C-alpha atoms as a PDB file:
ATOM      1  CA  MET A   1      40.349  -8.395  45.257  1.00  0.00           C
ATOM      2  CA  ARG A   2      43.868  -9.769  45.973  1.00  0.00           C
ATOM      3  CA  ASN A   3      46.221  -9.578  48.981  1.00  0.00           C
ATOM      4  CA  LYS A   4      50.021  -9.677  49.203  1.00  0.00           C
ATOM      5  CA  VAL A   5      50.798 -12.057  52.070  1.00  0.00           C
ATOM      6  CA  LYS A   6      52.956 -14.852  53.462  1.00  0.00           C
ATOM      7  CA  ILE A   7      51.227 -18.233  53.770  1.00  0.00           C
ATOM      8  CA  CYS A   8      52.140 -20.062  56.980  1.00  0.00           C
ATOM      9  CA  PRO A   9      53.589 -23.474  55.999  1.00  0.00           C
ATOM     10  CA  SER A  10      52.186 -25.021  59.166  1.00  0.00           C
ATOM     11  CA  CYS A  11      48.600 -23.782  59.628  1.00  0.00           C
ATOM     12  CA  GLN A  12      48.125 -22.158  56.172  1.00  0.00           C
ATOM     13  CA  LYS A  13      47.065 -18.808  57.656  1.00  0.00           C
ATOM     14  CA  ALA A  14      47.570 -15.809  55.379  1.00  0.00           C
ATOM     15  CA  CYS A  15      49.882 -13.494  57.346  1.00  0.00           C
ATOM     16  CA  ALA A  16      50.960  -9.911  56.740  1.00  0.00           C
ATOM     17  CA  ARG A  17      54.019  -9.702  54.525  1.00  0.00           C
ATOM     18  CA  THR A  18      56.240  -8.156  57.237  1.00  0.00           C
ATOM     19  CA  LEU A  19      55.685 -10.838  59.895  1.00  0.00           C
ATOM     20  CA  VAL A  20      58.577 -13.139  60.794  1.00  0.00           C
ATOM     21  CA  GLN A  21      56.349 -15.537  62.768  1.00  0.00           C
ATOM     22  CA  CYS A  22      52.784 -16.699  62.137  1.00  0.00           C
ATOM     23  CA  ASN A  23      50.435 -14.843  64.496  1.00  0.00           C
ATOM     24  CA  ASN A  24      48.174 -17.885  64.663  1.00  0.00           C
ATOM     25  CA  CYS A  25      50.523 -20.778  65.484  1.00  0.00           C
ATOM     26  CA  GLY A  26      53.938 -19.144  65.925  1.00  0.00           C
ATOM     27  CA  THR A  27      55.696 -20.898  63.024  1.00  0.00           C
ATOM     28  CA  SER A  28      58.678 -19.032  61.510  1.00  0.00           C
ATOM     29  CA  LEU A  29      57.928 -17.148  58.277  1.00  0.00           C
ATOM     30  CA  GLU A  30      61.451 -15.879  57.620  1.00  0.00           C
ATOM     31  CA  LEU A  31      61.994 -18.138  54.587  1.00  0.00           C
ATOM     32  CA  VAL A  32      58.442 -17.889  53.252  1.00  0.00           C
ATOM     33  CA  GLU A  33      58.067 -16.031  49.949  1.00  0.00           C
ATOM     34  CA  LEU A  34      55.300 -13.554  49.170  1.00  0.00           C
ATOM     35  CA  ALA A  35      52.092 -14.934  47.703  1.00  0.00           C
ATOM     36  CA  SER A  36      48.646 -13.622  46.799  1.00  0.00           C
ATOM     37  CA  THR A  37      45.298 -14.644  48.227  1.00  0.00           C
ATOM     38  CA  ASP A  38      41.646 -13.727  47.758  1.00  0.00           C
ATOM     39  CA  ASN A  39      40.637 -10.510  49.508  1.00  0.00           C
ATOM     40  CA  VAL A  40      37.902 -12.228  51.474  1.00  0.00           C
ATOM     41  CA  LEU A  41      36.726  -9.018  53.159  1.00  0.00           C
ATOM     42  CA  MET A  42      35.740  -7.532  49.815  1.00  0.00           C
ATOM     43  CA  ALA A  43      34.190 -10.881  48.921  1.00  0.00           C
ATOM     44  CA  PHE A  44      32.031 -10.520  52.037  1.00  0.00           C
ATOM     45  CA  VAL A  45      31.024  -7.021  50.926  1.00  0.00           C
ATOM     46  CA  TYR A  46      30.038  -8.245  47.458  1.00  0.00           C
ATOM     47  CA  GLY A  47      28.304 -11.361  48.790  1.00  0.00           C
ATOM     48  CA  ILE A  48      30.584 -13.835  46.995  1.00  0.00           C
ATOM     49  CA  GLU A  49      29.865 -17.324  48.276  1.00  0.00           C
ATOM     50  CA  LYS A  50      33.050 -19.192  47.393  1.00  0.00           C
ATOM     51  CA  GLY A  51      36.624 -18.419  46.345  1.00  0.00           C
ATOM     52  CA  ALA A  52      39.590 -20.702  46.913  1.00  0.00           C
ATOM     53  CA  SER A  53      37.543 -21.938  49.878  1.00  0.00           C
ATOM     54  CA  SER A  54      34.134 -21.342  51.424  1.00  0.00           C
ATOM     55  CA  LEU A  55      33.505 -17.688  52.300  1.00  0.00           C
ATOM     56  CA  SER A  56      30.891 -18.250  54.993  1.00  0.00           C
ATOM     57  CA  ILE A  57      31.242 -16.156  58.160  1.00  0.00           C
ATOM     58  CA  SER A  58      29.765 -15.872  61.629  1.00  0.00           C
ATOM     59  CA  MET A  59      27.936 -12.582  61.076  1.00  0.00           C
ATOM     60  CA  ARG A  60      26.910 -10.340  63.981  1.00  0.00           C
ATOM     61  CA  ALA A  61      25.477  -7.291  62.219  1.00  0.00           C
ATOM     62  CA  CYS A  62      25.032  -6.013  58.665  1.00  0.00           C
ATOM     63  CA  ASN A  63      23.670  -2.759  57.235  1.00  0.00           C
ATOM     64  CA  ASP A  64      24.374  -0.399  54.337  1.00  0.00           C
ATOM     65  CA  LYS A  65      27.510   0.969  56.066  1.00  0.00           C
ATOM     66  CA  HIS A  66      29.053  -1.834  58.130  1.00  0.00           C
ATOM     67  CA  LEU A  67      29.535  -5.574  58.454  1.00  0.00           C
ATOM     68  CA  VAL A  68      30.457  -7.044  61.855  1.00  0.00           C
ATOM     69  CA  PHE A  69      31.542 -10.675  62.234  1.00  0.00           C
ATOM     70  CA  ASP A  70      33.515 -13.020  64.492  1.00  0.00           C
ATOM     71  CA  ASP A  71      37.223 -13.156  63.679  1.00  0.00           C
ATOM     72  CA  PRO A  72      38.057 -16.805  62.845  1.00  0.00           C
ATOM     73  CA  LEU A  73      41.425 -16.479  64.617  1.00  0.00           C
ATOM     74  CA  THR A  74      39.593 -16.280  67.984  1.00  0.00           C
ATOM     75  CA  VAL A  75      42.255 -14.543  70.067  1.00  0.00           C
ATOM     76  CA  SER A  76      39.893 -13.816  72.964  1.00  0.00           C
ATOM     77  CA  VAL A  77      36.484 -14.700  74.386  1.00  0.00           C
ATOM     78  CA  CYS A  78      34.981 -12.057  72.078  1.00  0.00           C
ATOM     79  CA  HIS A  79      37.044 -11.239  68.977  1.00  0.00           C
ATOM     80  CA  LEU A  80      35.165  -9.212  66.384  1.00  0.00           C
ATOM     81  CA  ASN A  81      35.931  -7.487  63.087  1.00  0.00           C
ATOM     82  CA  VAL A  82      34.026  -4.590  61.528  1.00  0.00           C
ATOM     83  CA  ILE A  83      34.480  -3.433  57.922  1.00  0.00           C
ATOM     84  CA  PRO A  84      32.932  -0.582  55.935  1.00  0.00           C
ATOM     85  CA  THR A  85      30.614  -1.780  53.157  1.00  0.00           C
ATOM     86  CA  SER A  86      30.186   1.514  51.306  1.00  0.00           C
ATOM     87  CA  ALA A  87      33.807   2.057  50.211  1.00  0.00           C
ATOM     88  CA  HIS A  88      36.995   0.185  49.419  1.00  0.00           C
ATOM     89  CA  ILE A  89      39.758   1.507  51.705  1.00  0.00           C
ATOM     90  CA  PRO A  90      42.857  -0.707  51.396  1.00  0.00           C
ATOM     91  CA  ASP A  91      44.348   0.075  54.818  1.00  0.00           C
ATOM     92  CA  LEU A  92      44.518   2.631  57.632  1.00  0.00           C
ATOM     93  CA  ARG A  93      46.922   4.955  55.775  1.00  0.00           C
ATOM     94  CA  PHE A  94      44.207   6.004  53.329  1.00  0.00           C
ATOM     95  CA  LEU A  95      42.091   7.468  56.154  1.00  0.00           C
ATOM     96  CA  PHE A  96      44.612  10.310  56.210  1.00  0.00           C
ATOM     97  CA  LYS A  97      43.902  11.404  52.631  1.00  0.00           C
ATOM     98  CA  ASP A  98      40.837  13.104  54.141  1.00  0.00           C
ATOM     99  CA  PRO A  99      41.205  13.167  57.956  1.00  0.00           C
ATOM    100  CA  CYS A 100      37.724  14.564  58.634  1.00  0.00           C
ATOM    101  CA  ARG A 101      35.941  11.917  56.579  1.00  0.00           C
ATOM    102  CA  GLY A 102      38.413   9.285  57.741  1.00  0.00           C
ATOM    103  CA  ARG A 103      37.584   9.988  61.372  1.00  0.00           C
ATOM    104  CA  GLN A 104      33.848   9.783  60.688  1.00  0.00           C
ATOM    105  CA  ILE A 105      34.299   6.383  59.027  1.00  0.00           C
ATOM    106  CA  LEU A 106      36.473   5.071  61.862  1.00  0.00           C
ATOM    107  CA  GLN A 107      34.186   6.367  64.628  1.00  0.00           C
ATOM    108  CA  GLY A 108      31.213   4.772  62.883  1.00  0.00           C
ATOM    109  CA  MET A 109      33.018   1.426  62.791  1.00  0.00           C
ATOM    110  CA  LEU A 110      33.863   1.650  66.490  1.00  0.00           C
ATOM    111  CA  ASP A 111      30.298   2.602  67.451  1.00  0.00           C
ATOM    112  CA  GLU A 112      28.930  -0.331  65.439  1.00  0.00           C
ATOM    113  CA  VAL A 113      31.174  -2.942  67.048  1.00  0.00           C
ATOM    114  CA  ASP A 114      30.578  -1.460  70.535  1.00  0.00           C
ATOM    115  CA  THR A 115      26.836  -1.882  69.996  1.00  0.00           C
ATOM    116  CA  VAL A 116      27.240  -5.508  68.883  1.00  0.00           C
ATOM    117  CA  CYS A 117      29.415  -6.267  71.897  1.00  0.00           C
ATOM    118  CA  LEU A 118      26.960  -4.645  74.277  1.00  0.00           C
ATOM    119  CA  GLU A 119      23.852  -6.324  72.848  1.00  0.00           C
ATOM    120  CA  GLN A 120      25.200  -9.790  72.072  1.00  0.00           C
ATOM    121  CA  PHE A 121      27.836 -10.369  74.766  1.00  0.00           C
ATOM    122  CA  TRP A 122      27.549  -7.989  77.697  1.00  0.00           C
ATOM    123  CA  SER A 123      23.784  -8.464  77.898  1.00  0.00           C
ATOM    124  CA  ASP A 124      24.317 -12.193  78.542  1.00  0.00           C
ATOM    125  CA  ASP A 125      24.495 -12.958  82.272  1.00  0.00           C
ATOM    126  CA  LEU A 126      26.397 -16.214  81.755  1.00  0.00           C
ATOM    127  CA  PHE A 127      29.028 -14.557  79.551  1.00  0.00           C
ATOM    128  CA  ARG A 128      29.646 -11.849  82.151  1.00  0.00           C
ATOM    129  CA  ALA A 129      29.776 -14.281  85.063  1.00  0.00           C
ATOM    130  CA  THR A 130      32.058 -16.750  83.261  1.00  0.00           C
ATOM    131  CA  TYR A 131      34.604 -14.416  81.712  1.00  0.00           C
ATOM    132  CA  LEU A 132      34.395 -11.023  83.375  1.00  0.00           C
ATOM    133  CA  GLY A 133      33.956 -11.814  87.065  1.00  0.00           C
ATOM    134  CA  ASN A 134      33.689  -8.619  89.066  1.00  0.00           C
ATOM    135  CA  MET A 135      35.098  -6.274  86.427  1.00  0.00           C
ATOM    136  CA  PRO A 136      33.313  -2.891  86.358  1.00  0.00           C
ATOM    137  CA  PRO A 137      30.764  -2.495  83.524  1.00  0.00           C
ATOM    138  CA  ASP A 138      32.945  -0.320  81.271  1.00  0.00           C
ATOM    139  CA  LEU A 139      32.694  -1.720  77.744  1.00  0.00           C
ATOM    140  CA  ARG A 140      35.453   0.330  76.140  1.00  0.00           C
ATOM    141  CA  ALA A 141      37.914  -0.524  78.907  1.00  0.00           C
ATOM    142  CA  MET A 142      37.494  -4.227  78.099  1.00  0.00           C
ATOM    143  CA  GLY A 143      38.136  -4.026  74.361  1.00  0.00           C
ATOM    144  CA  SER A 144      41.454  -3.465  72.590  1.00  0.00           C
ATOM    145  CA  ALA A 145      40.355  -2.053  69.244  1.00  0.00           C
ATOM    146  CA  GLY A 146      42.697  -1.150  66.424  1.00  0.00           C
ATOM    147  CA  MET A 147      44.128  -1.926  63.006  1.00  0.00           C
ATOM    148  CA  ASN A 148      47.227  -3.680  61.708  1.00  0.00           C
ATOM    149  CA  PHE A 149      49.602  -2.330  59.112  1.00  0.00           C
ATOM    150  CA  PRO A 150      50.366  -3.965  56.854  1.00  0.00           C
ATOM    151  CA  PRO A 151      47.103  -5.905  56.952  1.00  0.00           C
ATOM    152  CA  SER A 152      46.636  -9.499  55.849  1.00  0.00           C
ATOM    153  CA  GLN A 153      43.422  -8.461  54.048  1.00  0.00           C
ATOM    154  CA  TYR A 154      43.377  -5.316  51.902  1.00  0.00           C
ATOM    155  CA  GLN A 155      40.123  -3.799  53.069  1.00  0.00           C
ATOM    156  CA  LEU A 156      39.984  -1.541  56.112  1.00  0.00           C
ATOM    157  CA  HIS A 157      38.976  -3.584  59.147  1.00  0.00           C
ATOM    158  CA  LEU A 158      38.846  -2.729  62.818  1.00  0.00           C
ATOM    159  CA  GLN A 159      39.753  -5.587  65.135  1.00  0.00           C
ATOM    160  CA  TYR A 160      37.999  -5.664  68.491  1.00  0.00           C
ATOM    161  CA  VAL A 161      39.738  -7.991  70.951  1.00  0.00           C
ATOM    162  CA  HIS A 162      37.567  -8.116  74.065  1.00  0.00           C
ATOM    163  CA  GLY A 163      39.501  -9.385  77.096  1.00  0.00           C
ATOM    164  CA  PRO A 164      40.367 -11.774  78.501  1.00  0.00           C
ATOM    165  CA  MET A 165      42.437 -13.506  75.820  1.00  0.00           C
ATOM    166  CA  LEU A 166      42.460 -17.279  75.450  1.00  0.00           C
ATOM    167  CA  PRO A 167      45.476 -18.781  77.289  1.00  0.00           C
ATOM    168  CA  PHE A 168      47.482 -19.847  74.210  1.00  0.00           C
ATOM    169  CA  GLN A 169      46.853 -16.510  72.506  1.00  0.00           C
ATOM    170  CA  TYR A 170      47.781 -14.549  75.631  1.00  0.00           C
ATOM    171  CA  ALA A 171      51.087 -16.428  75.734  1.00  0.00           C
ATOM    172  CA  MET A 172      51.659 -15.284  72.138  1.00  0.00           C
ATOM    173  CA  PHE A 173      50.711 -11.754  73.162  1.00  0.00           C
ATOM    174  CA  GLU A 174      53.366 -11.850  75.897  1.00  0.00           C
ATOM    175  CA  LYS A 175      55.901 -12.912  73.267  1.00  0.00           C
ATOM    176  CA  GLY A 176      54.950  -9.903  71.136  1.00  0.00           C
ATOM    177  CA  LEU A 177      53.089 -11.815  68.414  1.00  0.00           C
ATOM    178  CA  HIS A 178      49.690 -10.161  68.957  1.00  0.00           C
ATOM    179  CA  LEU A 179      48.915  -6.412  68.957  1.00  0.00           C
ATOM    180  CA  GLN A 180      52.516  -5.823  67.922  1.00  0.00           C
ATOM    181  CA  HIS A 181      54.285  -2.542  68.558  1.00  0.00           C
ATOM    182  CA  GLY A 182      54.729  -0.658  65.291  1.00  0.00           C
ATOM    183  CA  ARG A 183      52.179  -2.824  63.480  1.00  0.00           C
ATOM    184  CA  PHE A 184      49.034  -2.554  65.616  1.00  0.00           C
ATOM    185  CA  PHE A 185      47.509   0.917  65.750  1.00  0.00           C
ATOM    186  CA  PRO A 186      45.083   1.441  68.673  1.00  0.00           C
ATOM    187  CA  VAL A 187      41.853   3.074  67.578  1.00  0.00           C
ATOM    188  CA  GLN A 188      42.319   5.789  70.207  1.00  0.00           C
ATOM    189  CA  PHE A 189      45.594   6.805  68.556  1.00  0.00           C
ATOM    190  CA  LEU A 190      44.033   6.873  65.095  1.00  0.00           C
ATOM    191  CA  LEU A 191      41.030   8.909  66.236  1.00  0.00           C
ATOM    192  CA  ALA A 192      43.247  11.398  68.076  1.00  0.00           C
ATOM    193  CA  ALA A 193      45.531  11.805  65.050  1.00  0.00           C
ATOM    194  CA  LEU A 194      42.641  12.178  62.600  1.00  0.00           C
ATOM    195  CA  ALA A 195      41.047  14.768  64.919  1.00  0.00           C
ATOM    196  CA  LYS A 196      43.959  17.082  64.073  1.00  0.00           C
ATOM    197  CA  GLY A 197      42.279  17.599  60.703  1.00  0.00           C
ATOM    198  CA  GLU A 198      44.205  19.320  57.917  1.00  0.00           C
ATOM    199  CA  ALA A 199      47.463  19.089  59.875  1.00  0.00           C
ATOM    200  CA  MET A 200      47.281  15.304  59.362  1.00  0.00           C
ATOM    201  CA  ARG A 201      46.290  15.315  55.681  1.00  0.00           C
ATOM    202  CA  ILE A 202      48.699  13.117  53.675  1.00  0.00           C
ATOM    203  CA  ASP A 203      48.778  12.369  49.955  1.00  0.00           C
ATOM    204  CA  VAL A 204      48.808   8.597  50.453  1.00  0.00           C
ATOM    205  CA  ASP A 205      49.679   6.032  47.805  1.00  0.00           C
ATOM    206  CA  GLU A 206      50.600   2.336  47.950  1.00  0.00           C
ATOM    207  CA  ASP A 207      54.231   3.128  48.833  1.00  0.00           C
ATOM    208  CA  THR A 208      53.607   5.647  51.634  1.00  0.00           C
ATOM    209  CA  PRO A 209      55.434   4.406  54.767  1.00  0.00           C
ATOM    210  CA  VAL A 210      53.237   4.153  57.849  1.00  0.00           C
ATOM    211  CA  GLU A 211      56.079   5.749  59.822  1.00  0.00           C
ATOM    212  CA  LYS A 212      55.199   9.008  58.079  1.00  0.00           C
ATOM    213  CA  ILE A 213      51.842   8.970  59.875  1.00  0.00           C
ATOM    214  CA  ILE A 214      53.475   8.210  63.231  1.00  0.00           C
ATOM    215  CA  GLN A 215      55.975  11.038  62.805  1.00  0.00           C
ATOM    216  CA  LEU A 216      53.403  13.583  61.637  1.00  0.00           C
ATOM    217  CA  ALA A 217      51.077  12.645  64.500  1.00  0.00           C
ATOM    218  CA  ALA A 218      53.935  13.133  66.971  1.00  0.00           C
ATOM    219  CA  SER A 219      54.545  16.625  65.571  1.00  0.00           C
ATOM    220  CA  CYS A 220      50.864  17.341  66.280  1.00  0.00           C
ATOM    221  CA  GLY A 221      51.148  16.142  69.878  1.00  0.00           C
ATOM    222  CA  VAL A 222      49.744  12.598  69.374  1.00  0.00           C
ATOM    223  CA  ASP A 223      52.297  10.043  70.596  1.00  0.00           C
ATOM    224  CA  TYR A 224      51.874   6.535  69.153  1.00  0.00           C
ATOM    225  CA  ASN A 225      54.082   4.949  71.828  1.00  0.00           C
ATOM    226  CA  ARG A 226      51.947   6.360  74.637  1.00  0.00           C
ATOM    227  CA  TYR A 227      48.695   5.049  73.164  1.00  0.00           C
ATOM    228  CA  TRP A 228      50.192   1.651  72.382  1.00  0.00           C
ATOM    229  CA  SER A 229      51.705   1.289  75.878  1.00  0.00           C
ATOM    230  CA  GLN A 230      48.372   2.151  77.489  1.00  0.00           C
ATOM    231  CA  MET A 231      46.670  -0.506  75.384  1.00  0.00           C
ATOM    232  CA  TRP A 232      49.356  -3.086  76.289  1.00  0.00           C
ATOM    233  CA  LEU A 233      49.027  -2.432  80.026  1.00  0.00           C
ATOM    234  CA  GLN A 234      45.231  -2.586  79.748  1.00  0.00           C
ATOM    235  CA  VAL A 235      45.341  -6.046  78.146  1.00  0.00           C
ATOM    236  CA  MET A 236      47.572  -7.372  80.934  1.00  0.00           C
ATOM    237  CA  ALA A 237      45.432  -5.809  83.667  1.00  0.00           C
ATOM    238  CA  ILE A 238      42.232  -7.334  82.269  1.00  0.00           C
ATOM    239  CA  GLN A 239      43.856 -10.770  81.943  1.00  0.00           C
ATOM    240  CA  LYS A 240      45.032 -10.643  85.556  1.00  0.00           C
ATOM    241  CA  LYS A 241      41.765  -9.232  86.916  1.00  0.00           C
ATOM    242  CA  CYS A 242      39.394 -11.621  85.137  1.00  0.00           C
ATOM    243  CA  SER A 243      41.556 -14.782  85.203  1.00  0.00           C
ATOM    244  CA  PRO A 244      38.660 -17.118  84.279  1.00  0.00           C
ATOM    245  CA  TRP A 245      40.802 -20.120  83.347  1.00  0.00           C
ATOM    246  CA  GLN A 246      41.101 -23.055  85.794  1.00  0.00           C
ATOM    247  CA  ASP A 247      43.053 -26.315  85.622  1.00  0.00           C
ATOM    248  CA  LYS A 248      39.838 -28.335  85.343  1.00  0.00           C
ATOM    249  CA  ASP A 249      39.030 -26.551  82.057  1.00  0.00           C
ATOM    250  CA  PHE A 250      41.933 -28.251  80.236  1.00  0.00           C
ATOM    251  CA  CYS A 251      42.639 -31.825  79.141  1.00  0.00           C
ATOM    252  CA  TYR A 252      46.286 -31.224  78.220  1.00  0.00           C
ATOM    253  CA  ARG A 253      49.353 -29.276  79.307  1.00  0.00           C
ATOM    254  CA  ILE A 254      51.831 -28.087  76.667  1.00  0.00           C
ATOM    255  CA  HIS A 255      55.506 -27.442  77.270  1.00  0.00           C
ATOM    256  CA  GLY A 256      57.292 -26.388  74.099  1.00  0.00           C
ATOM    257  CA  ALA A 257      56.325 -29.017  71.521  1.00  0.00           C
ATOM    258  CA  ARG A 258      55.567 -31.700  74.131  1.00  0.00           C
ATOM    259  CA  VAL A 259      52.016 -32.512  75.214  1.00  0.00           C
ATOM    260  CA  PHE A 260      51.052 -33.965  78.598  1.00  0.00           C
ATOM    261  CA  ASP A 261      47.635 -35.172  79.746  1.00  0.00           C
ATOM    262  CA  ALA A 262      45.938 -33.904  82.889  1.00  0.00           C
ATOM    263  CA  CYS A 263      47.565 -36.659  84.955  1.00  0.00           C
ATOM    264  CA  GLY A 264      51.074 -35.690  83.860  1.00  0.00           C
ATOM    265  CA  GLY A 265      51.696 -38.469  81.363  1.00  0.00           C
ATOM    266  CA  GLU A 266      53.182 -37.520  77.981  1.00  0.00           C
ATOM    267  CA  SER A 267      50.767 -37.705  75.048  1.00  0.00           C
ATOM    268  CA  ASP A 268      51.417 -38.153  71.329  1.00  0.00           C
ATOM    269  CA  VAL A 269      48.635 -35.693  70.410  1.00  0.00           C
ATOM    270  CA  ASP A 270      49.853 -32.974  68.042  1.00  0.00           C
ATOM    271  CA  VAL A 271      49.907 -29.445  69.506  1.00  0.00           C
ATOM    272  CA  LYS A 272      48.461 -27.845  66.380  1.00  0.00           C
ATOM    273  CA  SER A 273      45.601 -30.355  66.204  1.00  0.00           C
ATOM    274  CA  ILE A 274      44.650 -29.423  69.774  1.00  0.00           C
ATOM    275  CA  GLN A 275      44.706 -25.748  68.884  1.00  0.00           C
ATOM    276  CA  ALA A 276      42.563 -26.340  65.781  1.00  0.00           C
ATOM    277  CA  ALA A 277      40.027 -28.382  67.767  1.00  0.00           C
ATOM    278  CA  ASP A 278      39.813 -25.664  70.439  1.00  0.00           C
ATOM    279  CA  ALA A 279      39.176 -23.021  67.765  1.00  0.00           C
ATOM    280  CA  THR A 280      36.377 -25.160  66.282  1.00  0.00           C
ATOM    281  CA  ARG A 281      34.742 -25.524  69.700  1.00  0.00           C
ATOM    282  CA  GLN A 282      34.947 -21.793  70.268  1.00  0.00           C
ATOM    283  CA  HIS A 283      33.421 -21.039  66.853  1.00  0.00           C
ATOM    284  CA  ASN A 284      30.575 -23.460  67.524  1.00  0.00           C
ATOM    285  CA  LYS A 285      29.808 -21.632  70.761  1.00  0.00           C
ATOM    286  CA  LEU A 286      29.810 -18.331  68.875  1.00  0.00           C
ATOM    287  CA  HIS A 287      27.399 -19.688  66.247  1.00  0.00           C
ATOM    288  CA  TRP A 288      25.152 -21.024  69.016  1.00  0.00           C
ATOM    289  CA  LYS A 289      25.078 -17.572  70.530  1.00  0.00           C
ATOM    290  CA  ILE A 290      23.983 -16.032  67.226  1.00  0.00           C
ATOM    291  CA  ARG A 291      21.151 -18.544  66.856  1.00  0.00           C
ATOM    292  CA  ARG A 292      20.106 -17.825  70.411  1.00  0.00           C
ATOM    293  CA  MET A 293      20.018 -14.094  69.652  1.00  0.00           C
ATOM    294  CA  GLY A 294      17.831 -14.770  66.626  1.00  0.00           C
ATOM    295  CA  GLY A 295      20.507 -13.678  64.118  1.00  0.00           C
END
């Protein structure tokens, strides 16, 4: 029920202990000491209403095996998380204690989030017209699904980042702060490695280095770098192809730490307050969509 993390001194986001910059606002974490936080994902599983803060979520689907909800970080126009509700699995390494069962669990998570995306986003004509333009109707080609190691929450969770990314977050992606090489593991890589069965069985404990999985997978013909590079190129291609963002959509322009209004005059508005307000607007739209769907 507890996580080992670094707390961002600027936006207070709980970040994975190996990060040197906050993956929400970009603030340096190099001097930040380790701390512990509530494992909110397990709190969701147990139905706990309140911890250090409110534990309410924007829920998309829930059954006896999975819980799907909107990621509060909101990296893209559709950013979902799915967690297993029938078992506590601290992180992706533990899938390799039993590769066959691990692959079944992971495939079930991916199928669940694909269904949510199809029914609650792709089925909406306005969503497709606004964000996807003339992209071909290939759901899996639009989503970058995978898992981070180390995680910021110690319950297995599959992130589903459906392109295109929001402009600020895509800029962070270009700087290497999202879907990071060596930390983000594309679901296609994990499924391919787990499909090797007994050859990928590892006696995992808390201290098992994730590099051991990468190296063993490579010896079985599953190259992490190839899968990660394909995912990276896919994100960039989707961003370029869709390109839904126009100048008229924005009230401010940001250059470094300086903020300018639409007419070019410098503003004293704080960059982080703008980002927080944008996230709130995006969440409100997501909640509206759930109400509209009858959820």
